[in-house]
Amino acid sequence: MTREGRHSSRVMTLFWMALRELEGGAPMISVTRLNGADLVVNDDLIEFIERTPETVLTMTEGKKITIKESAEQVLEKIVSFRKSITLPEIRD
């Protein structure tokens, strides 16, 4: 990644952190472990989502979490959360 790309990424991260602070929201989505236990995950720390027979979230620190929700459901939760904290004039 170029220096400009890292700077842009850092600026966007700071933007989302500041926006969440203003909105009073936490960067979290609710998911369900395979054993039925509810889990709240920081959506900023999800590195990628794997579609195996189950859905596996791989977090930025390498931890893997297997959940009941489909990859599509996780993405919908993330998009819904992000829309909920976006400034009103840029919501759709």
Foldseek 3Di string as FASTA:
>chain_A
DDPVVVVVVVVVVVVVVVLCVVVVHAQWDWFAAPVGDIDIDRVVQFPDWDPDVFIWTQGVVGDITTTHDDPVVVVVRNVVVVLVSDPPVPRD
